[in-house]
Amino acid sequence: MNEHKNIIVYLIPSKHLTYTENNIFIDNEVSLMPSLSNWEIKVSSNTIPELAKYSLENMIEKLKV
């Protein structure tokens, strides 16, 4: 019962996490244990169109420049 699912790989430059103009990337700072701090990515039907620009397929062209 293997279902074929489309897998999308995203390539998000780290600098985009800090200055993005949307609320997709969330800095989850853990002040008591900074080594546990991380970035969260909101994934929903509303954010998929914005995340699509970071799909590997779309980022390949940017990497060639």
C-alpha atoms as a PDB file:
ATOM      1  CA  MET A   1       0.000   0.000   0.000  1.00  0.00           C
ATOM      2  CA  ASN A   2       2.639   2.504  -1.016  1.00  0.00           C
ATOM      3  CA  GLU A   3       1.005   5.732  -2.025  1.00  0.00           C
ATOM      4  CA  HIS A   4       2.950   8.051  -4.276  1.00  0.00           C
ATOM      5  CA  LYS A   5       3.301  11.423  -2.629  1.00  0.00           C
ATOM      6  CA  ASN A   6       4.887  14.528  -4.015  1.00  0.00           C
ATOM      7  CA  ILE A   7       7.852  15.489  -1.896  1.00  0.00           C
ATOM      8  CA  ILE A   8       9.008  19.079  -2.021  1.00  0.00           C
ATOM      9  CA  VAL A   9      12.432  20.072  -0.781  1.00  0.00           C
ATOM     10  CA  TYR A  10      12.874  23.653   0.397  1.00  0.00           C
ATOM     11  CA  LEU A  11      16.140  25.585   0.420  1.00  0.00           C
ATOM     12  CA  ILE A  12      15.831  28.629   2.659  1.00  0.00           C
ATOM     13  CA  PRO A  13      18.858  30.927   2.919  1.00  0.00           C
ATOM     14  CA  SER A  14      19.543  31.718   6.558  1.00  0.00           C
ATOM     15  CA  LYS A  15      19.594  35.460   5.895  1.00  0.00           C
ATOM     16  CA  HIS A  16      15.963  35.222   4.788  1.00  0.00           C
ATOM     17  CA  LEU A  17      14.988  34.035   8.236  1.00  0.00           C
ATOM     18  CA  THR A  18      16.056  37.281   9.865  1.00  0.00           C
ATOM     19  CA  TYR A  19      14.621  39.881   7.506  1.00  0.00           C
ATOM     20  CA  THR A  20      11.599  38.270   5.989  1.00  0.00           C
ATOM     21  CA  GLU A  21       8.585  40.546   5.654  1.00  0.00           C
ATOM     22  CA  ASN A  22       6.099  37.847   6.510  1.00  0.00           C
ATOM     23  CA  ASN A  23       5.234  35.744   9.524  1.00  0.00           C
ATOM     24  CA  ILE A  24       6.269  32.404   8.087  1.00  0.00           C
ATOM     25  CA  PHE A  25       9.642  32.222   9.859  1.00  0.00           C
ATOM     26  CA  ILE A  26       9.531  32.547  13.619  1.00  0.00           C
ATOM     27  CA  ASP A  27      12.601  32.984  15.810  1.00  0.00           C
ATOM     28  CA  ASN A  28      12.106  30.657  18.766  1.00  0.00           C
ATOM     29  CA  GLU A  29      14.677  31.990  21.197  1.00  0.00           C
ATOM     30  CA  VAL A  30      15.272  29.919  24.326  1.00  0.00           C
ATOM     31  CA  SER A  31      16.857  32.402  26.731  1.00  0.00           C
ATOM     32  CA  LEU A  32      17.713  29.896  29.467  1.00  0.00           C
ATOM     33  CA  MET A  33      19.459  27.562  27.023  1.00  0.00           C
ATOM     34  CA  PRO A  34      20.537  29.511  23.925  1.00  0.00           C
ATOM     35  CA  SER A  35      21.893  26.363  22.286  1.00  0.00           C
ATOM     36  CA  LEU A  36      18.292  25.174  21.992  1.00  0.00           C
ATOM     37  CA  SER A  37      17.154  28.297  20.123  1.00  0.00           C
ATOM     38  CA  ASN A  38      15.779  27.554  16.658  1.00  0.00           C
ATOM     39  CA  TRP A  39      13.650  28.789  13.809  1.00  0.00           C
ATOM     40  CA  GLU A  40      10.116  27.603  13.258  1.00  0.00           C
ATOM     41  CA  ILE A  41       8.360  27.575   9.918  1.00  0.00           C
ATOM     42  CA  LYS A  42       4.604  28.013   9.751  1.00  0.00           C
ATOM     43  CA  VAL A  43       3.204  25.558   7.247  1.00  0.00           C
ATOM     44  CA  SER A  44      -0.437  25.908   6.288  1.00  0.00           C
ATOM     45  CA  SER A  45      -2.528  26.309   3.188  1.00  0.00           C
ATOM     46  CA  ASN A  46      -2.046  30.073   3.583  1.00  0.00           C
ATOM     47  CA  THR A  47       1.754  29.950   3.723  1.00  0.00           C
ATOM     48  CA  ILE A  48       2.449  27.360   1.015  1.00  0.00           C
ATOM     49  CA  PRO A  49       2.348  29.932  -1.828  1.00  0.00           C
ATOM     50  CA  GLU A  50       5.004  32.029  -0.051  1.00  0.00           C
ATOM     51  CA  LEU A  51       7.093  28.961   0.788  1.00  0.00           C
ATOM     52  CA  ALA A  52       6.933  27.843  -2.858  1.00  0.00           C
ATOM     53  CA  LYS A  53       9.535  30.434  -3.832  1.00  0.00           C
ATOM     54  CA  TYR A  54      12.000  28.509  -1.629  1.00  0.00           C
ATOM     55  CA  SER A  55      11.373  25.154  -3.280  1.00  0.00           C
ATOM     56  CA  LEU A  56      14.566  23.573  -4.563  1.00  0.00           C
ATOM     57  CA  GLU A  57      13.157  23.715  -8.074  1.00  0.00           C
ATOM     58  CA  ASN A  58      12.786  27.507  -7.843  1.00  0.00           C
ATOM     59  CA  MET A  59      16.056  28.066  -5.974  1.00  0.00           C
ATOM     60  CA  ILE A  60      18.217  26.255  -8.546  1.00  0.00           C
ATOM     61  CA  GLU A  61      17.960  29.220 -10.903  1.00  0.00           C
ATOM     62  CA  LYS A  62      19.042  31.611  -8.161  1.00  0.00           C
ATOM     63  CA  LEU A  63      22.029  29.422  -7.343  1.00  0.00           C
ATOM     64  CA  LYS A  64      23.264  29.553 -10.930  1.00  0.00           C
ATOM     65  CA  VAL A  65      23.705  33.331 -10.792  1.00  0.00           C
END
